[in-house]
């Protein structure tokens, strides 16, 4: 597991991601896993997801961000199909 320190509203929180998921995010974001750049680009992407959602009262932040990461990593057709299905049900 890799840990990231983020800001949620006015408070700090720590998010944990599986190492494989973190490494895949780093690659998708243009960094080599375990490089000095990798942790920073993943942390920045995670923070952007929280900022865009604008939900300072969010709970289970790690779980929500894992879901966001999976949707970001899979191809757009699959993620769009899933989100469409989710909205219908």
PDB file of N, CA and C in Angstrom:
ATOM      1  N   UNK A   1       0.838  -1.189   0.000  1.00  0.00           N
ATOM      2  CA  UNK A   1       0.000   0.000   0.000  1.00  0.00           C
ATOM      3  C   UNK A   1       0.883   1.254   0.000  1.00  0.00           C
ATOM      4  N   UNK A   2       0.397   2.252  -0.702  1.00  0.00           N
ATOM      5  CA  UNK A   2       1.071   3.550  -0.700  1.00  0.00           C
ATOM      6  C   UNK A   2       0.123   4.565  -0.081  1.00  0.00           C
ATOM      7  N   UNK A   3       0.694   5.457   0.698  1.00  0.00           N
ATOM      8  CA  UNK A   3      -0.112   6.465   1.389  1.00  0.00           C
ATOM      9  C   UNK A   3       0.148   7.839   0.800  1.00  0.00           C
ATOM     10  N   UNK A   4      -0.942   8.607   0.724  1.00  0.00           N
ATOM     11  CA  UNK A   4      -0.880   9.964   0.193  1.00  0.00           C
ATOM     12  C   UNK A   4      -1.567  10.893   1.171  1.00  0.00           C
ATOM     13  N   UNK A   5      -0.950  12.019   1.453  1.00  0.00           N
ATOM     14  CA  UNK A   5      -1.524  13.023   2.344  1.00  0.00           C
ATOM     15  C   UNK A   5      -2.210  14.081   1.487  1.00  0.00           C
ATOM     16  N   UNK A   6      -3.518  14.243   1.704  1.00  0.00           N
ATOM     17  CA  UNK A   6      -4.335  15.146   0.904  1.00  0.00           C
ATOM     18  C   UNK A   6      -5.097  16.090   1.814  1.00  0.00           C
ATOM     19  N   UNK A   7      -5.727  17.073   1.203  1.00  0.00           N
ATOM     20  CA  UNK A   7      -6.571  18.015   1.939  1.00  0.00           C
ATOM     21  C   UNK A   7      -8.014  17.802   1.498  1.00  0.00           C
ATOM     22  N   UNK A   8      -8.866  17.654   2.477  1.00  0.00           N
ATOM     23  CA  UNK A   8     -10.304  17.483   2.229  1.00  0.00           C
ATOM     24  C   UNK A   8     -11.018  18.612   2.955  1.00  0.00           C
ATOM     25  N   UNK A   9     -11.439  19.615   2.193  1.00  0.00           N
ATOM     26  CA  UNK A   9     -12.025  20.798   2.824  1.00  0.00           C
ATOM     27  C   UNK A   9     -10.934  21.521   3.601  1.00  0.00           C
ATOM     28  N   UNK A  10     -11.156  21.699   4.896  1.00  0.00           N
ATOM     29  CA  UNK A  10     -10.179  22.388   5.750  1.00  0.00           C
ATOM     30  C   UNK A  10      -9.297  21.430   6.538  1.00  0.00           C
ATOM     31  N   UNK A  11      -9.434  20.125   6.313  1.00  0.00           N
ATOM     32  CA  UNK A  11      -8.642  19.180   7.096  1.00  0.00           C
ATOM     33  C   UNK A  11      -7.787  18.294   6.201  1.00  0.00           C
ATOM     34  N   UNK A  12      -6.743  17.770   6.804  1.00  0.00           N
ATOM     35  CA  UNK A  12      -5.863  16.852   6.090  1.00  0.00           C
ATOM     36  C   UNK A  12      -6.366  15.432   6.293  1.00  0.00           C
ATOM     37  N   UNK A  13      -6.145  14.613   5.288  1.00  0.00           N
ATOM     38  CA  UNK A  13      -6.515  13.208   5.385  1.00  0.00           C
ATOM     39  C   UNK A  13      -5.444  12.375   4.701  1.00  0.00           C
ATOM     40  N   UNK A  14      -5.354  11.131   5.087  1.00  0.00           N
ATOM     41  CA  UNK A  14      -4.415  10.211   4.474  1.00  0.00           C
ATOM     42  C   UNK A  14      -5.199   9.180   3.690  1.00  0.00           C
ATOM     43  N   UNK A  15      -4.784   8.961   2.456  1.00  0.00           N
ATOM     44  CA  UNK A  15      -5.433   8.011   1.558  1.00  0.00           C
ATOM     45  C   UNK A  15      -4.452   6.886   1.283  1.00  0.00           C
ATOM     46  N   UNK A  16      -4.953   5.659   1.280  1.00  0.00           N
ATOM     47  CA  UNK A  16      -4.122   4.505   0.956  1.00  0.00           C
ATOM     48  C   UNK A  16      -4.579   3.890  -0.353  1.00  0.00           C
ATOM     49  N   UNK A  17      -3.619   3.618  -1.240  1.00  0.00           N
ATOM     50  CA  UNK A  17      -3.895   2.945  -2.506  1.00  0.00           C
ATOM     51  C   UNK A  17      -3.003   1.718  -2.595  1.00  0.00           C
ATOM     52  N   UNK A  18      -3.538   0.654  -3.168  1.00  0.00           N
ATOM     53  CA  UNK A  18      -2.736  -0.520  -3.444  1.00  0.00           C
ATOM     54  C   UNK A  18      -1.554  -0.100  -4.314  1.00  0.00           C
ATOM     55  N   UNK A  19      -0.406  -0.706  -4.099  1.00  0.00           N
ATOM     56  CA  UNK A  19       0.802  -0.350  -4.842  1.00  0.00           C
ATOM     57  C   UNK A  19       0.609  -0.511  -6.348  1.00  0.00           C
ATOM     58  N   UNK A  20      -0.040  -1.595  -6.773  1.00  0.00           N
ATOM     59  CA  UNK A  20      -0.269  -1.803  -8.202  1.00  0.00           C
ATOM     60  C   UNK A  20      -1.102  -0.667  -8.791  1.00  0.00           C
ATOM     61  N   UNK A  21      -2.180  -0.291  -8.116  1.00  0.00           N
ATOM     62  CA  UNK A  21      -3.034   0.790  -8.604  1.00  0.00           C
ATOM     63  C   UNK A  21      -2.253   2.102  -8.663  1.00  0.00           C
ATOM     64  N   UNK A  22      -1.465   2.361  -7.650  1.00  0.00           N
ATOM     65  CA  UNK A  22      -0.649   3.569  -7.623  1.00  0.00           C
ATOM     66  C   UNK A  22       0.368   3.571  -8.762  1.00  0.00           C
ATOM     67  N   UNK A  23       0.992   2.427  -9.004  1.00  0.00           N
ATOM     68  CA  UNK A  23       1.969   2.331 -10.085  1.00  0.00           C
ATOM     69  C   UNK A  23       1.317   2.531 -11.455  1.00  0.00           C
ATOM     70  N   UNK A  24       0.146   1.944 -11.651  1.00  0.00           N
ATOM     71  CA  UNK A  24      -0.561   2.115 -12.922  1.00  0.00           C
ATOM     72  C   UNK A  24      -0.971   3.568 -13.135  1.00  0.00           C
ATOM     73  N   UNK A  25      -1.415   4.215 -12.071  1.00  0.00           N
ATOM     74  CA  UNK A  25      -1.750   5.644 -12.181  1.00  0.00           C
ATOM     75  C   UNK A  25      -0.516   6.453 -12.565  1.00  0.00           C
ATOM     76  N   UNK A  26       0.602   6.161 -11.944  1.00  0.00           N
ATOM     77  CA  UNK A  26       1.830   6.889 -12.254  1.00  0.00           C
ATOM     78  C   UNK A  26       2.166   6.748 -13.734  1.00  0.00           C
ATOM     79  N   UNK A  27       2.086   5.524 -14.252  1.00  0.00           N
ATOM     80  CA  UNK A  27       2.389   5.299 -15.670  1.00  0.00           C
ATOM     81  C   UNK A  27       1.425   6.074 -16.547  1.00  0.00           C
ATOM     82  N   UNK A  28       0.127   5.992 -16.234  1.00  0.00           N
ATOM     83  CA  UNK A  28      -0.890   6.701 -17.027  1.00  0.00           C
ATOM     84  C   UNK A  28      -0.657   8.211 -17.008  1.00  0.00           C
ATOM     85  N   UNK A  29      -0.107   8.699 -15.891  1.00  0.00           N
ATOM     86  CA  UNK A  29       0.132  10.131 -15.737  1.00  0.00           C
ATOM     87  C   UNK A  29       1.524  10.550 -16.218  1.00  0.00           C
ATOM     88  N   UNK A  30       2.268   9.608 -16.813  1.00  0.00           N
ATOM     89  CA  UNK A  30       3.536   9.954 -17.427  1.00  0.00           C
ATOM     90  C   UNK A  30       4.767   9.809 -16.573  1.00  0.00           C
ATOM     91  N   UNK A  31       4.679   9.071 -15.488  1.00  0.00           N
ATOM     92  CA  UNK A  31       5.843   8.873 -14.621  1.00  0.00           C
ATOM     93  C   UNK A  31       6.144   7.382 -14.482  1.00  0.00           C
ATOM     94  N   UNK A  32       7.397   7.057 -14.257  1.00  0.00           N
ATOM     95  CA  UNK A  32       7.768   5.668 -14.009  1.00  0.00           C
ATOM     96  C   UNK A  32       7.457   5.327 -12.558  1.00  0.00           C
ATOM     97  N   UNK A  33       6.881   4.134 -12.299  1.00  0.00           N
ATOM     98  CA  UNK A  33       6.613   3.732 -10.915  1.00  0.00           C
ATOM     99  C   UNK A  33       7.895   3.791 -10.076  1.00  0.00           C
ATOM    100  N   UNK A  34       7.747   4.170  -8.841  1.00  0.00           N
ATOM    101  CA  UNK A  34       8.842   4.227  -7.860  1.00  0.00           C
ATOM    102  C   UNK A  34       9.890   5.281  -8.188  1.00  0.00           C
ATOM    103  N   UNK A  35       9.607   6.143  -9.158  1.00  0.00           N
ATOM    104  CA  UNK A  35      10.537   7.239  -9.458  1.00  0.00           C
ATOM    105  C   UNK A  35      10.227   8.403  -8.517  1.00  0.00           C
ATOM    106  N   UNK A  36      11.150   9.338  -8.388  1.00  0.00           N
ATOM    107  CA  UNK A  36      10.873  10.510  -7.546  1.00  0.00           C
ATOM    108  C   UNK A  36       9.623  11.274  -7.998  1.00  0.00           C
ATOM    109  N   UNK A  37       9.345  11.260  -9.287  1.00  0.00           N
ATOM    110  CA  UNK A  37       8.196  11.997  -9.822  1.00  0.00           C
ATOM    111  C   UNK A  37       6.868  11.283  -9.557  1.00  0.00           C
ATOM    112  N   UNK A  38       6.893   9.964  -9.456  1.00  0.00           N
ATOM    113  CA  UNK A  38       5.667   9.160  -9.407  1.00  0.00           C
ATOM    114  C   UNK A  38       4.740   9.549  -8.249  1.00  0.00           C
ATOM    115  N   UNK A  39       5.281   9.606  -7.042  1.00  0.00           N
ATOM    116  CA  UNK A  39       4.434   9.902  -5.887  1.00  0.00           C
ATOM    117  C   UNK A  39       3.751  11.259  -6.038  1.00  0.00           C
ATOM    118  N   UNK A  40       4.498  12.235  -6.516  1.00  0.00           N
ATOM    119  CA  UNK A  40       3.955  13.584  -6.670  1.00  0.00           C
ATOM    120  C   UNK A  40       2.846  13.682  -7.694  1.00  0.00           C
ATOM    121  N   UNK A  41       3.026  13.022  -8.851  1.00  0.00           N
ATOM    122  CA  UNK A  41       1.979  13.128  -9.874  1.00  0.00           C
ATOM    123  C   UNK A  41       0.719  12.392  -9.449  1.00  0.00           C
ATOM    124  N   UNK A  42       0.874  11.266  -8.757  1.00  0.00           N
ATOM    125  CA  UNK A  42      -0.305  10.543  -8.281  1.00  0.00           C
ATOM    126  C   UNK A  42      -0.999  11.353  -7.192  1.00  0.00           C
ATOM    127  N   UNK A  43      -0.240  11.913  -6.261  1.00  0.00           N
ATOM    128  CA  UNK A  43      -0.831  12.722  -5.192  1.00  0.00           C
ATOM    129  C   UNK A  43      -1.571  13.926  -5.772  1.00  0.00           C
ATOM    130  N   UNK A  44      -0.973  14.573  -6.757  1.00  0.00           N
ATOM    131  CA  UNK A  44      -1.624  15.724  -7.398  1.00  0.00           C
ATOM    132  C   UNK A  44      -2.926  15.302  -8.066  1.00  0.00           C
ATOM    133  N   UNK A  45      -2.920  14.172  -8.772  1.00  0.00           N
ATOM    134  CA  UNK A  45      -4.131  13.693  -9.439  1.00  0.00           C
ATOM    135  C   UNK A  45      -5.214  13.364  -8.410  1.00  0.00           C
ATOM    136  N   UNK A  46      -4.840  12.699  -7.327  1.00  0.00           N
ATOM    137  CA  UNK A  46      -5.813  12.371  -6.276  1.00  0.00           C
ATOM    138  C   UNK A  46      -6.413  13.647  -5.684  1.00  0.00           C
ATOM    139  N   UNK A  47      -5.556  14.635  -5.411  1.00  0.00           N
ATOM    140  CA  UNK A  47      -6.036  15.897  -4.852  1.00  0.00           C
ATOM    141  C   UNK A  47      -6.994  16.594  -5.813  1.00  0.00           C
ATOM    142  N   UNK A  48      -6.693  16.549  -7.093  1.00  0.00           N
ATOM    143  CA  UNK A  48      -7.585  17.163  -8.093  1.00  0.00           C
ATOM    144  C   UNK A  48      -8.956  16.490  -8.091  1.00  0.00           C
ATOM    145  N   UNK A  49      -8.984  15.185  -7.906  1.00  0.00           N
ATOM    146  CA  UNK A  49     -10.266  14.479  -7.864  1.00  0.00           C
ATOM    147  C   UNK A  49     -11.095  14.954  -6.679  1.00  0.00           C
ATOM    148  N   UNK A  50     -10.451  15.090  -5.539  1.00  0.00           N
ATOM    149  CA  UNK A  50     -11.165  15.593  -4.352  1.00  0.00           C
ATOM    150  C   UNK A  50     -11.638  17.024  -4.559  1.00  0.00           C
ATOM    151  N   UNK A  51     -10.769  17.860  -5.104  1.00  0.00           N
ATOM    152  CA  UNK A  51     -11.121  19.270  -5.314  1.00  0.00           C
ATOM    153  C   UNK A  51     -12.280  19.407  -6.293  1.00  0.00           C
ATOM    154  N   UNK A  52     -12.272  18.631  -7.366  1.00  0.00           N
ATOM    155  CA  UNK A  52     -13.345  18.714  -8.361  1.00  0.00           C
ATOM    156  C   UNK A  52     -14.671  18.221  -7.798  1.00  0.00           C
ATOM    157  N   UNK A  53     -14.632  17.222  -6.931  1.00  0.00           N
ATOM    158  CA  UNK A  53     -15.865  16.697  -6.336  1.00  0.00           C
ATOM    159  C   UNK A  53     -16.460  17.689  -5.339  1.00  0.00           C
ATOM    160  N   UNK A  54     -15.607  18.508  -4.723  1.00  0.00           N
ATOM    161  CA  UNK A  54     -16.047  19.555  -3.808  1.00  0.00           C
ATOM    162  C   UNK A  54     -17.030  19.031  -2.760  1.00  0.00           C
ATOM    163  N   UNK A  55     -16.628  17.987  -2.044  1.00  0.00           N
ATOM    164  CA  UNK A  55     -17.458  17.377  -1.001  1.00  0.00           C
ATOM    165  C   UNK A  55     -16.622  17.246   0.270  1.00  0.00           C
ATOM    166  N   UNK A  56     -16.473  18.348   1.022  1.00  0.00           N
ATOM    167  CA  UNK A  56     -15.595  18.320   2.193  1.00  0.00           C
ATOM    168  C   UNK A  56     -16.060  17.369   3.293  1.00  0.00           C
ATOM    169  N   UNK A  57     -17.297  16.935   3.257  1.00  0.00           N
ATOM    170  CA  UNK A  57     -17.799  15.994   4.259  1.00  0.00           C
ATOM    171  C   UNK A  57     -17.684  14.538   3.832  1.00  0.00           C
ATOM    172  N   UNK A  58     -17.030  14.291   2.713  1.00  0.00           N
ATOM    173  CA  UNK A  58     -16.919  12.932   2.167  1.00  0.00           C
ATOM    174  C   UNK A  58     -16.317  11.978   3.200  1.00  0.00           C
ATOM    175  N   UNK A  59     -16.875  10.780   3.254  1.00  0.00           N
ATOM    176  CA  UNK A  59     -16.321   9.724   4.082  1.00  0.00           C
ATOM    177  C   UNK A  59     -15.816   8.613   3.168  1.00  0.00           C
ATOM    178  N   UNK A  60     -15.034   7.718   3.723  1.00  0.00           N
ATOM    179  CA  UNK A  60     -14.438   6.622   2.952  1.00  0.00           C
ATOM    180  C   UNK A  60     -13.691   7.157   1.725  1.00  0.00           C
ATOM    181  N   UNK A  61     -12.836   8.109   1.963  1.00  0.00           N
ATOM    182  CA  UNK A  61     -12.136   8.806   0.887  1.00  0.00           C
ATOM    183  C   UNK A  61     -11.258   7.850   0.084  1.00  0.00           C
ATOM    184  N   UNK A  62     -10.542   6.968   0.755  1.00  0.00           N
ATOM    185  CA  UNK A  62      -9.680   6.022   0.034  1.00  0.00           C
ATOM    186  C   UNK A  62     -10.495   5.156  -0.912  1.00  0.00           C
ATOM    187  N   UNK A  63     -11.625   4.661  -0.438  1.00  0.00           N
ATOM    188  CA  UNK A  63     -12.470   3.805  -1.275  1.00  0.00           C
ATOM    189  C   UNK A  63     -12.978   4.574  -2.491  1.00  0.00           C
ATOM    190  N   UNK A  64     -13.433   5.800  -2.279  1.00  0.00           N
ATOM    191  CA  UNK A  64     -13.952   6.596  -3.391  1.00  0.00           C
ATOM    192  C   UNK A  64     -12.851   6.881  -4.413  1.00  0.00           C
ATOM    193  N   UNK A  65     -11.665   7.243  -3.934  1.00  0.00           N
ATOM    194  CA  UNK A  65     -10.572   7.540  -4.849  1.00  0.00           C
ATOM    195  C   UNK A  65     -10.091   6.294  -5.595  1.00  0.00           C
ATOM    196  N   UNK A  66     -10.146   5.126  -4.963  1.00  0.00           N
ATOM    197  CA  UNK A  66      -9.813   3.890  -5.684  1.00  0.00           C
ATOM    198  C   UNK A  66     -10.763   3.703  -6.859  1.00  0.00           C
ATOM    199  N   UNK A  67     -12.040   3.948  -6.641  1.00  0.00           N
ATOM    200  CA  UNK A  67     -13.013   3.849  -7.727  1.00  0.00           C
ATOM    201  C   UNK A  67     -12.734   4.843  -8.838  1.00  0.00           C
ATOM    202  N   UNK A  68     -12.409   6.071  -8.464  1.00  0.00           N
ATOM    203  CA  UNK A  68     -12.078   7.084  -9.460  1.00  0.00           C
ATOM    204  C   UNK A  68     -10.849   6.657 -10.270  1.00  0.00           C
ATOM    205  N   UNK A  69      -9.873   6.091  -9.595  1.00  0.00           N
ATOM    206  CA  UNK A  69      -8.645   5.656 -10.274  1.00  0.00           C
ATOM    207  C   UNK A  69      -8.940   4.539 -11.269  1.00  0.00           C
ATOM    208  N   UNK A  70      -9.761   3.584 -10.882  1.00  0.00           N
ATOM    209  CA  UNK A  70     -10.102   2.491 -11.796  1.00  0.00           C
ATOM    210  C   UNK A  70     -10.811   3.037 -13.022  1.00  0.00           C
ATOM    211  N   UNK A  71     -11.770   3.937 -12.823  1.00  0.00           N
ATOM    212  CA  UNK A  71     -12.483   4.518 -13.960  1.00  0.00           C
ATOM    213  C   UNK A  71     -11.540   5.304 -14.874  1.00  0.00           C
ATOM    214  N   UNK A  72     -10.536   5.937 -14.294  1.00  0.00           N
ATOM    215  CA  UNK A  72      -9.554   6.689 -15.071  1.00  0.00           C
ATOM    216  C   UNK A  72      -8.661   5.750 -15.875  1.00  0.00           C
ATOM    217  N   UNK A  73      -8.355   4.586 -15.310  1.00  0.00           N
ATOM    218  CA  UNK A  73      -7.427   3.653 -15.956  1.00  0.00           C
ATOM    219  C   UNK A  73      -8.060   2.812 -17.056  1.00  0.00           C
ATOM    220  N   UNK A  74      -9.342   2.481 -16.918  1.00  0.00           N
ATOM    221  CA  UNK A  74      -9.969   1.642 -17.944  1.00  0.00           C
ATOM    222  C   UNK A  74     -10.280   2.499 -19.171  1.00  0.00           C
ATOM    223  N   UNK A  75     -10.519   1.821 -20.301  1.00  0.00           N
ATOM    224  CA  UNK A  75     -10.793   2.594 -21.511  1.00  0.00           C
ATOM    225  C   UNK A  75     -12.109   3.363 -21.359  1.00  0.00           C
ATOM    226  N   UNK A  76     -12.217   4.430 -22.121  1.00  0.00           N
ATOM    227  CA  UNK A  76     -13.359   5.345 -21.994  1.00  0.00           C
ATOM    228  C   UNK A  76     -14.689   4.680 -22.314  1.00  0.00           C
ATOM    229  N   UNK A  77     -14.720   3.779 -23.258  1.00  0.00           N
ATOM    230  CA  UNK A  77     -15.967   3.098 -23.601  1.00  0.00           C
ATOM    231  C   UNK A  77     -16.489   2.307 -22.395  1.00  0.00           C
ATOM    232  N   UNK A  78     -15.612   1.579 -21.740  1.00  0.00           N
ATOM    233  CA  UNK A  78     -16.019   0.790 -20.579  1.00  0.00           C
ATOM    234  C   UNK A  78     -16.476   1.683 -19.433  1.00  0.00           C
ATOM    235  N   UNK A  79     -15.720   2.722 -19.134  1.00  0.00           N
ATOM    236  CA  UNK A  79     -16.112   3.591 -18.021  1.00  0.00           C
ATOM    237  C   UNK A  79     -17.406   4.340 -18.322  1.00  0.00           C
ATOM    238  N   UNK A  80     -17.603   4.783 -19.565  1.00  0.00           N
ATOM    239  CA  UNK A  80     -18.842   5.466 -19.949  1.00  0.00           C
ATOM    240  C   UNK A  80     -20.031   4.518 -19.856  1.00  0.00           C
ATOM    241  N   UNK A  81     -19.867   3.298 -20.336  1.00  0.00           N
ATOM    242  CA  UNK A  81     -20.937   2.303 -20.248  1.00  0.00           C
ATOM    243  C   UNK A  81     -21.319   2.052 -18.799  1.00  0.00           C
ATOM    244  N   UNK A  82     -20.304   1.927 -17.933  1.00  0.00           N
ATOM    245  CA  UNK A  82     -20.572   1.701 -16.513  1.00  0.00           C
ATOM    246  C   UNK A  82     -21.306   2.893 -15.887  1.00  0.00           C
ATOM    247  N   UNK A  83     -20.835   4.097 -16.144  1.00  0.00           N
ATOM    248  CA  UNK A  83     -21.466   5.281 -15.556  1.00  0.00           C
ATOM    249  C   UNK A  83     -22.892   5.469 -16.072  1.00  0.00           C
ATOM    250  N   UNK A  84     -23.133   5.185 -17.346  1.00  0.00           N
ATOM    251  CA  UNK A  84     -24.491   5.242 -17.887  1.00  0.00           C
ATOM    252  C   UNK A  84     -25.393   4.241 -17.174  1.00  0.00           C
ATOM    253  N   UNK A  85     -24.902   3.016 -17.012  1.00  0.00           N
ATOM    254  CA  UNK A  85     -25.677   1.995 -16.313  1.00  0.00           C
ATOM    255  C   UNK A  85     -25.965   2.433 -14.880  1.00  0.00           C
ATOM    256  N   UNK A  86     -24.972   2.982 -14.212  1.00  0.00           N
ATOM    257  CA  UNK A  86     -25.113   3.416 -12.830  1.00  0.00           C
ATOM    258  C   UNK A  86     -26.202   4.494 -12.709  1.00  0.00           C
ATOM    259  N   UNK A  87     -26.235   5.425 -13.641  1.00  0.00           N
ATOM    260  CA  UNK A  87     -27.235   6.491 -13.607  1.00  0.00           C
ATOM    261  C   UNK A  87     -28.646   5.974 -13.863  1.00  0.00           C
ATOM    262  N   UNK A  88     -28.750   4.883 -14.606  1.00  0.00           N
ATOM    263  CA  UNK A  88     -30.074   4.305 -14.895  1.00  0.00           C
ATOM    264  C   UNK A  88     -30.616   3.496 -13.724  1.00  0.00           C
ATOM    265  N   UNK A  89     -29.763   3.078 -12.830  1.00  0.00           N
ATOM    266  CA  UNK A  89     -30.214   2.195 -11.723  1.00  0.00           C
ATOM    267  C   UNK A  89     -30.066   2.816 -10.396  1.00  0.00           C
TER     268      UNK A  89
END
